[in-house]
Protein backbone atom coordinates (compact mmCIF):
# COMPACT_ATOMS: atom_id res chain seq x y z
CA MET A 1 138.57 87.24 -17.32
CA ASN A 2 140.77 85.82 -14.57
CA PRO A 3 143.65 83.56 -15.20
CA ILE A 4 142.05 80.38 -13.85
CA THR A 5 138.81 80.93 -15.94
CA SER A 6 140.77 81.71 -19.07
CA PHE A 7 142.93 78.33 -18.64
CA LEU A 8 139.62 76.34 -18.14
CA VAL A 9 138.03 77.87 -20.88
CA MET A 10 141.23 77.15 -23.40
CA VAL A 11 141.36 73.38 -21.99
CA CYS A 12 137.71 72.96 -23.10
CA ILE A 13 138.04 74.67 -26.48
CA LEU A 14 141.16 72.52 -27.36
CA THR A 15 139.66 69.49 -25.97
CA GLY A 16 136.65 70.10 -28.24
CA LEU A 17 138.70 70.89 -31.19
CA ALA A 18 140.51 67.67 -30.70
CA LEU A 19 137.39 65.55 -30.31
CA GLY A 20 135.76 67.20 -33.20
CA ASN A 21 138.85 66.46 -35.75
CA TRP A 22 139.79 62.94 -34.49
CA VAL A 23 136.51 61.48 -33.10
CA ALA A 24 133.33 63.04 -34.13
CA PRO A 25 132.53 66.66 -34.66
CA TYR A 26 129.19 66.55 -32.45
CA LEU A 27 131.41 65.72 -29.45
CA ALA A 28 133.00 69.36 -29.68
CA LEU A 29 129.61 71.04 -28.90
CA PRO A 30 129.30 70.13 -25.52
CA LEU A 31 132.69 71.16 -24.80
CA PHE A 32 132.33 74.55 -26.39
CA ALA A 33 129.11 75.08 -24.34
CA ALA A 34 130.98 74.28 -21.15
CA ALA A 35 133.73 76.67 -22.14
CA LEU A 36 131.04 79.41 -22.67
CA LEU A 37 129.34 78.61 -19.30
CA ILE A 38 132.77 78.63 -17.39
CA ALA A 39 133.43 82.10 -18.94
CA LEU A 40 130.16 83.63 -18.06
CA SER A 41 129.79 82.02 -14.43
CA LEU A 42 133.39 81.67 -12.94
CA LYS A 43 134.81 84.72 -11.33
CA MET A 44 137.83 85.45 -9.09
CA ALA A 45 138.10 88.53 -6.61
CA ASN A 46 141.52 89.57 -5.49
CA ALA A 47 142.12 90.23 -1.69
CA TRP A 48 141.08 93.76 -1.83
CA GLN A 49 138.10 93.39 -3.99
CA ARG A 50 134.46 92.98 -3.44
CA PHE A 51 132.00 91.99 -5.97
CA VAL A 52 128.41 93.14 -5.54
CA ILE A 53 125.74 90.58 -7.35
CA LEU A 54 122.35 91.12 -8.03
CA ARG A 55 119.92 88.36 -9.01
CA MET A 56 116.81 89.53 -11.11
CA GLY A 57 117.44 93.14 -9.73
CA LYS A 58 117.52 92.09 -5.85
CA LEU A 59 120.61 91.95 -4.01
CA GLN A 60 121.96 88.33 -4.13
CA SER A 61 125.43 88.55 -2.23
CA VAL A 62 128.67 90.43 -1.89
CA LYS A 63 131.56 87.99 -3.02
CA GLY A 64 135.17 87.92 -2.56
CA PRO A 65 138.00 87.62 -2.06
CA GLY A 66 138.71 84.06 -3.73
CA LEU A 67 136.91 82.06 -6.60
CA PHE A 68 133.25 82.00 -6.85
CA ALA A 69 130.33 81.23 -9.54
CA ILE A 70 127.37 83.05 -10.54
CA ILE A 71 124.28 81.98 -12.48
CA PRO A 72 124.49 83.39 -15.95
CA VAL A 73 121.78 85.49 -17.10
CA LEU A 74 120.07 85.69 -13.64
CA ASP A 75 123.01 87.07 -11.80
CA ASN A 76 124.74 90.51 -12.56
CA VAL A 77 127.85 91.71 -11.30
CA ILE A 78 126.91 95.59 -10.79
CA ALA A 79 130.08 96.71 -9.06
CA VAL A 80 133.61 95.69 -8.02
CA ILE A 81 134.63 97.59 -5.12
CA ASP A 82 138.11 98.23 -4.18
CA CYS A 83 138.47 98.08 -0.14
CA ARG A 84 142.04 99.44 -0.10
CA ILE A 85 142.82 102.89 1.33
CA GLN A 86 142.21 105.56 -1.04
CA THR A 87 143.80 109.14 -1.35
CA THR A 88 141.54 112.01 -2.72
CA ALA A 89 143.24 115.48 -3.03
CA PHE A 90 140.86 118.56 -2.81
CA ASN A 91 141.04 122.39 -2.43
CA ALA A 92 139.16 125.50 -1.48
CA GLU A 93 140.09 128.54 -3.61
CA GLN A 94 139.35 132.12 -2.39
CA ALA A 95 137.50 130.87 0.61
CA LEU A 96 136.79 133.52 3.34
CA THR A 97 137.92 132.86 6.82
CA LYS A 98 135.84 134.11 9.90
CA ASP A 99 137.65 137.33 9.88
CA THR A 100 137.14 137.60 6.06
CA VAL A 101 140.68 136.82 4.93
CA PRO A 102 140.64 134.95 1.40
CA VAL A 103 142.75 131.87 1.53
CA ASN A 104 143.59 128.93 -0.69
CA VAL A 105 143.78 125.78 1.02
CA ASP A 106 145.11 122.60 -0.28
CA ALA A 107 144.11 119.19 1.68
CA ILE A 108 144.11 115.29 1.15
CA ILE A 109 141.87 112.71 2.45
CA PHE A 110 142.49 108.95 3.38
CA TRP A 111 139.59 106.81 3.20
CA HIS A 112 138.34 103.17 2.41
CA VAL A 113 135.15 101.38 1.89
CA HIS A 114 134.20 99.31 4.69
CA ASP A 115 130.83 98.13 3.55
CA ALA A 116 130.76 97.49 -0.31
CA GLU A 117 127.06 96.73 -0.31
CA LYS A 118 126.38 100.36 0.71
CA ALA A 119 128.85 101.86 -1.43
CA ALA A 120 127.37 100.09 -4.43
CA LEU A 121 123.72 100.55 -3.79
CA ALA A 122 123.52 103.75 -1.46
CA ILE A 123 124.91 106.20 -3.93
CA THR A 124 125.71 106.58 -7.57
CA ASN A 125 129.34 107.36 -7.63
CA TYR A 126 131.02 107.53 -4.19
CA ARG A 127 134.42 108.60 -5.55
CA GLU A 128 132.79 111.67 -6.79
CA ALA A 129 130.76 112.15 -3.95
CA ILE A 130 133.62 112.01 -1.48
CA ASP A 131 135.41 114.84 -3.45
CA ARG A 132 132.24 117.14 -3.30
CA VAL A 133 131.66 116.49 0.29
CA ALA A 134 135.38 116.99 1.16
CA GLN A 135 135.38 120.36 -0.64
CA THR A 136 132.09 121.59 1.02
CA SER A 137 133.31 120.58 4.38
CA LEU A 138 136.61 122.36 3.87
CA ARG A 139 134.91 125.61 3.01
CA GLU A 140 132.62 125.34 5.92
CA MET A 141 135.61 124.93 8.33
CA ILE A 142 137.61 127.92 6.83
CA GLY A 143 134.40 130.05 7.15
CA SER A 144 134.11 129.27 10.88
CA SER A 145 137.73 129.43 11.70
CA MET A 146 140.00 132.58 12.20
CA LEU A 147 143.03 132.86 10.07
CA ALA A 148 145.48 132.63 12.96
CA ALA A 149 143.69 129.44 14.42
CA LEU A 150 143.97 128.01 10.86
CA LEU A 151 147.56 128.73 10.48
CA SER A 152 148.65 127.51 13.88
CA ASP A 153 146.20 124.73 14.83
CA ARG A 154 146.65 122.54 11.99
CA GLN A 155 145.93 119.33 13.80
CA GLU A 156 142.69 120.60 15.43
CA ALA A 157 141.51 121.69 11.93
CA ASP A 158 142.40 118.19 10.45
CA LEU A 159 140.38 116.34 13.15
CA GLU A 160 137.62 118.57 12.65
CA LEU A 161 137.49 117.84 9.01
CA LYS A 162 137.83 114.32 9.59
CA ASN A 163 134.82 114.21 11.88
CA GLN A 164 132.82 116.27 9.56
CA ILE A 165 133.40 114.24 6.40
CA GLY A 166 133.39 110.85 8.13
CA GLY A 167 129.89 111.70 9.50
CA LYS A 168 128.56 112.56 6.05
CA THR A 169 130.11 109.40 4.32
CA ALA A 170 129.48 106.69 6.94
CA PRO A 171 125.91 106.02 5.53
CA TRP A 172 127.69 105.14 2.24
CA GLY A 173 129.88 102.39 3.68
CA ILE A 174 133.00 104.68 3.70
CA SER A 175 135.33 105.33 6.52
CA VAL A 176 137.71 108.54 6.73
CA SER A 177 141.08 107.44 8.14
CA SER A 178 142.60 111.01 8.23
CA VAL A 179 142.23 114.35 6.66
CA GLU A 180 145.60 116.48 6.42
CA ILE A 181 145.81 120.00 5.14
CA ARG A 182 148.99 120.49 3.00
CA ASP A 183 149.06 124.18 2.37
CA VAL A 184 147.42 127.44 3.41
CA ALA A 185 148.13 130.14 0.94
CA ILE A 186 147.22 133.94 1.85
CA PRO A 187 147.48 137.20 -0.28
CA GLU A 188 151.06 138.63 -0.65
CA ALA A 189 149.96 141.90 0.95
CA LEU A 190 148.81 140.21 4.08
CA GLN A 191 152.09 138.05 4.08
CA ASP A 192 154.08 141.37 4.17
CA ALA A 193 151.86 142.75 7.08
CA MET A 194 152.11 139.77 8.99
CA SER A 195 155.82 139.52 8.42
CA ARG A 196 156.05 143.26 9.70
CA GLN A 197 153.87 142.56 12.48
CA ALA A 198 156.15 139.67 13.55
CA GLN A 199 159.18 141.72 13.22
CA ALA A 200 157.55 144.44 15.56
CA GLU A 201 156.80 141.77 18.01
CA ARG A 202 160.39 140.41 18.18
CA GLU A 203 161.82 143.94 18.45
CA LYS A 204 159.37 144.75 21.26
CA GLN A 205 160.59 141.71 23.02
CA ALA A 206 164.20 142.39 22.54
CA ARG A 207 163.63 145.77 24.07
CA VAL A 208 161.66 144.35 26.98
CA ILE A 209 164.75 141.95 27.55
CA LEU A 210 167.32 144.49 27.17
CA GLY A 211 165.33 146.82 29.71
CA SER A 212 165.24 143.87 32.25
CA ALA A 213 169.02 143.34 31.81
CA GLU A 214 169.53 147.01 32.30
CA ALA A 215 167.49 147.05 35.49
CA ALA A 216 169.30 143.94 36.83
CA ILE A 217 172.85 145.56 35.95
CA ALA A 218 171.65 148.89 37.77
CA GLY A 219 170.51 146.81 40.85
CA LYS A 220 174.01 145.00 41.06
CA PHE A 221 175.72 148.46 40.62
CA VAL A 222 173.73 149.65 43.64
CA GLU A 223 174.73 146.61 45.68
CA ALA A 224 178.36 147.34 44.83
CA ALA A 225 177.96 150.97 45.67
CA ASP A 226 176.66 150.05 49.26
CA ILE A 227 179.67 147.53 49.65
CA TYR A 228 182.27 150.12 48.61
CA ALA A 229 180.67 152.73 50.92
CA GLY A 230 181.03 150.72 53.84
CA HIS A 231 184.52 149.39 52.82
CA PRO A 232 186.67 152.22 51.30
CA ALA A 233 189.51 149.77 50.98
CA ALA A 234 187.69 147.63 48.73
CA LEU A 235 187.16 150.63 46.38
CA GLN A 236 190.73 151.27 46.34
CA LEU A 237 191.68 147.55 45.45
CA ARG A 238 189.12 147.72 42.62
CA ALA A 239 190.67 151.09 41.23
CA MET A 240 194.12 149.42 41.50
CA ASN A 241 192.61 146.54 39.43
CA ILE A 242 191.33 148.64 36.72
CA ILE A 243 194.46 150.42 36.48
CA TYR A 244 196.42 147.32 36.13
CA GLU A 245 194.13 145.70 33.76
CA ALA A 246 194.09 148.82 31.46
CA THR A 247 198.00 148.96 31.43
CA LYS A 248 199.22 145.48 31.49
CA GLU A 249 199.57 145.46 27.79
CA ARG A 250 202.57 146.65 26.13
CA GLY A 251 202.24 150.02 24.73
CA ALA A 252 198.96 150.84 26.66
CA THR A 253 198.58 154.38 27.67
CA ILE A 254 195.93 155.67 30.21
CA LEU A 255 195.12 159.29 31.43
CA ILE A 256 194.25 159.66 34.98
CA PRO A 257 193.25 162.66 36.48
CA SER A 258 195.49 163.83 39.48
CA SER A 259 192.43 164.22 41.60
CA MET A 260 191.71 160.41 41.33
CA VAL A 261 195.18 159.71 42.18
CA ASP A 262 195.25 161.73 45.28
CA SER A 263 191.95 160.18 46.50
CA LEU A 264 193.77 156.96 46.38
CA ASN A 265 196.13 155.80 49.17
CA PRO A 266 199.45 157.14 48.15
CA SER A 267 201.53 154.26 48.57
CA ILE A 268 198.97 151.67 47.34
CA ALA A 269 198.54 153.78 44.00
CA THR A 270 202.37 154.03 43.80
CA LEU A 271 202.86 150.38 43.92
CA ALA A 272 200.03 149.63 41.51
CA LEU A 273 201.46 152.08 38.97
CA ALA A 274 204.72 150.55 39.40
CA VAL A 275 203.46 147.01 38.84
CA ALA A 276 201.57 148.03 35.70
CA SER A 277 204.21 149.93 33.96
CA LYS A 278 206.62 152.83 34.47
CA THR A 279 204.92 156.08 35.35
CA THR A 280 206.19 159.01 33.30
CA LEU A 281 204.76 162.67 33.18
CA ASP A 282 203.80 163.83 29.65
CA PRO A 283 204.34 167.57 29.27
CA ALA A 284 201.40 167.73 26.76
CA VAL A 285 199.02 166.65 29.46
CA GLU A 286 197.31 169.41 31.52
CA PRO A 287 198.77 170.25 35.07
CA ASN A 288 195.90 168.48 36.57
CA GLN A 289 196.48 164.98 34.88
CA ALA A 290 199.17 162.36 34.70
CA ARG A 291 200.21 160.20 32.05
CA VAL A 292 200.89 156.60 32.94
């Protein structure tokens, strides 16, 4: 009983009691009858509710929201439909994909009643029916999908489920807002195999990248060799720079074959060695090598 109906019933009862005690007992009877009539006939639906009313077994109307009255005995409220968005969780355990892989899938559906008359009269229990239809549609979708597509294309799978479930529930006055797959669980052995496959793919990609880098470096060396072949002085300057960079740190020691020193311009080589560090001859070094 809603608050307004309760208030009116209490007013009639208290007024009847007062009149029966202070004026005449028979005056209370009409007020008690009015209280009973108000209690049976006056109804109130909230903003999200719809009352489906039958009159002598036939559909009379769908009332709500707000305050309304029915005829006692003749009218009967057979269902109070909640038109707010509802959520229903469902799952499919050990369902086989198109490539015969067993998976466990958890999903959730968002739906609402857009036609209270159909929801009350077209099906016995629309909430239970939605759960059954959702599970069946999920298994059908899994059976027609490859595992890779099911794991990567979640949005496409959600849209397919929404269309399938919505098409089945529309005759019941129910609209499906969205379907979201929350989790796709696969066997541990398959997870390990997929992990190894992914690792192998990453190693393959790394080797391809490394090979490309080596090819690029080799190409640059070929270009440098062509330049040095046409400009011997550039090669000498490069050799001087290498000697300087290697010996500029204090305490650094480098062994240079004497044939390499002889191949350089003597005056330029002497100048580079003097700038880098003092040149000393190590007796322990072979005769054909110099220690810098």
